[in-house]
């Protein structure tokens, strides 16, 4: 099996510490920190009919942290998909969004197309 950290352009030191918890600025995985940003992204992508993959988790959730390098790899292979990530315990608006989407376990991936959830 291929090791994620050996993916071209990702150094092992880039997948440590805060990067895993909070994301980074060098990948195209969209880091969402507020409910309004999520709603705007969903509304904007209705025009393009792109699939949005929204990874929702909590900062100290082990699986949420561990899946991030895989998201980077998938993002590089699927350029027609918008990969996003929301640290749901960042603030009250994110936690409320988690509840409104009926998310009971984290991490949860929501698949959204044309403004509608089409999978979990």
Protein backbone atom coordinates (compact mmCIF):
# COMPACT_ATOMS: atom_id res chain seq x y z
CA UNK A 1 0.00 0.00 0.00
CA UNK A 2 1.26 3.47 -0.87
CA UNK A 3 2.19 5.69 2.05
CA UNK A 4 0.35 8.99 2.00
CA UNK A 5 3.27 11.03 3.29
CA UNK A 6 5.34 9.92 0.30
CA UNK A 7 2.85 11.57 -2.03
CA UNK A 8 4.67 14.11 -4.17
CA UNK A 9 4.70 17.54 -2.60
CA UNK A 10 3.80 16.45 0.95
CA UNK A 11 6.76 16.34 3.29
CA UNK A 12 6.39 14.25 6.49
CA UNK A 13 6.81 17.39 8.61
CA UNK A 14 3.81 18.93 6.84
CA UNK A 15 1.53 16.22 8.22
CA UNK A 16 2.33 16.71 11.87
CA UNK A 17 0.97 18.79 14.71
CA UNK A 18 -1.48 21.57 13.99
CA UNK A 19 -1.71 20.73 10.27
CA UNK A 20 -3.63 17.58 11.09
CA UNK A 21 -5.92 19.42 13.49
CA UNK A 22 -6.49 22.66 11.66
CA UNK A 23 -5.53 21.99 8.06
CA UNK A 24 -3.04 23.91 6.03
CA UNK A 25 -2.72 26.65 3.46
CA UNK A 26 -0.80 24.71 0.81
CA UNK A 27 -3.44 22.16 -0.18
CA UNK A 28 -6.72 22.83 -1.95
CA UNK A 29 -8.77 21.22 0.84
CA UNK A 30 -11.09 24.06 1.83
CA UNK A 31 -10.93 24.72 5.57
CA UNK A 32 -14.31 25.92 6.85
CA UNK A 33 -14.46 27.65 10.22
CA UNK A 34 -17.97 29.10 10.24
CA UNK A 35 -21.43 27.90 9.30
CA UNK A 36 -21.93 30.86 6.95
CA UNK A 37 -18.83 29.81 4.98
CA UNK A 38 -20.25 26.28 4.58
CA UNK A 39 -23.60 27.60 3.43
CA UNK A 40 -21.93 30.01 0.96
CA UNK A 41 -19.79 27.22 -0.50
CA UNK A 42 -22.86 25.00 -0.95
CA UNK A 43 -24.77 27.84 -2.61
CA UNK A 44 -21.86 28.78 -4.90
CA UNK A 45 -21.32 25.20 -6.06
CA UNK A 46 -24.95 24.81 -7.13
CA UNK A 47 -23.98 26.69 -10.29
CA UNK A 48 -21.08 24.34 -11.10
CA UNK A 49 -22.95 21.17 -10.10
CA UNK A 50 -19.77 19.97 -8.40
CA UNK A 51 -19.77 17.34 -5.70
CA UNK A 52 -18.75 18.70 -2.31
CA UNK A 53 -17.18 16.28 0.17
CA UNK A 54 -17.52 17.80 3.63
CA UNK A 55 -15.46 16.12 6.35
CA UNK A 56 -16.97 17.02 9.71
CA UNK A 57 -15.14 16.15 12.89
CA UNK A 58 -13.81 17.35 16.22
CA UNK A 59 -10.31 18.65 16.84
CA UNK A 60 -9.26 15.84 19.17
CA UNK A 61 -10.97 13.00 17.28
CA UNK A 62 -8.25 10.55 16.23
CA UNK A 63 -9.97 9.29 13.05
CA UNK A 64 -10.77 12.87 11.97
CA UNK A 65 -7.10 13.77 12.28
CA UNK A 66 -5.84 10.61 10.57
CA UNK A 67 -8.07 10.90 7.50
CA UNK A 68 -6.69 14.30 6.45
CA UNK A 69 -3.68 13.00 4.48
CA UNK A 70 -6.03 10.68 2.58
CA UNK A 71 -8.23 13.66 1.72
CA UNK A 72 -5.21 15.45 0.28
CA UNK A 73 -4.40 12.43 -1.87
CA UNK A 74 -8.00 12.06 -3.09
CA UNK A 75 -8.21 15.79 -3.82
CA UNK A 76 -5.22 15.49 -6.15
CA UNK A 77 -6.85 12.62 -8.02
CA UNK A 78 -10.37 14.08 -8.33
CA UNK A 79 -10.16 17.64 -9.53
CA UNK A 80 -13.88 17.89 -10.25
CA UNK A 81 -14.71 17.36 -6.55
CA UNK A 82 -14.52 20.07 -3.88
CA UNK A 83 -12.97 18.65 -0.71
CA UNK A 84 -13.76 20.56 2.47
CA UNK A 85 -13.12 20.10 6.14
CA UNK A 86 -14.87 21.58 9.16
CA UNK A 87 -13.53 21.38 12.67
CA UNK A 88 -16.97 21.31 14.27
CA UNK A 89 -15.88 22.22 17.79
CA UNK A 90 -14.25 25.42 16.51
CA UNK A 91 -17.24 27.56 17.54
CA UNK A 92 -20.97 27.44 18.31
CA UNK A 93 -22.05 27.96 14.69
CA UNK A 94 -20.08 24.87 13.60
CA UNK A 95 -21.51 22.78 16.43
CA UNK A 96 -25.04 23.90 15.52
CA UNK A 97 -24.41 23.00 11.88
CA UNK A 98 -23.31 19.52 13.02
CA UNK A 99 -26.57 19.13 14.96
CA UNK A 100 -28.69 20.50 12.12
CA UNK A 101 -27.19 17.95 9.73
CA UNK A 102 -28.10 15.16 12.19
CA UNK A 103 -24.49 14.15 12.64
CA UNK A 104 -24.25 11.84 15.64
CA UNK A 105 -20.80 10.36 15.06
CA UNK A 106 -17.56 11.94 13.94
CA UNK A 107 -15.92 12.00 11.63
CA UNK A 108 -18.82 12.11 9.22
CA UNK A 109 -18.52 12.80 5.52
CA UNK A 110 -21.39 14.59 3.86
CA UNK A 111 -21.63 14.39 0.08
CA UNK A 112 -23.46 17.44 -1.26
CA UNK A 113 -24.47 18.19 -4.84
CA UNK A 114 -26.74 21.01 -6.03
CA UNK A 115 -27.36 22.06 -2.44
CA UNK A 116 -28.69 18.66 -1.35
CA UNK A 117 -27.06 15.95 0.75
CA UNK A 118 -26.78 12.98 -1.57
CA UNK A 119 -24.82 10.69 0.75
CA UNK A 120 -23.13 10.19 4.11
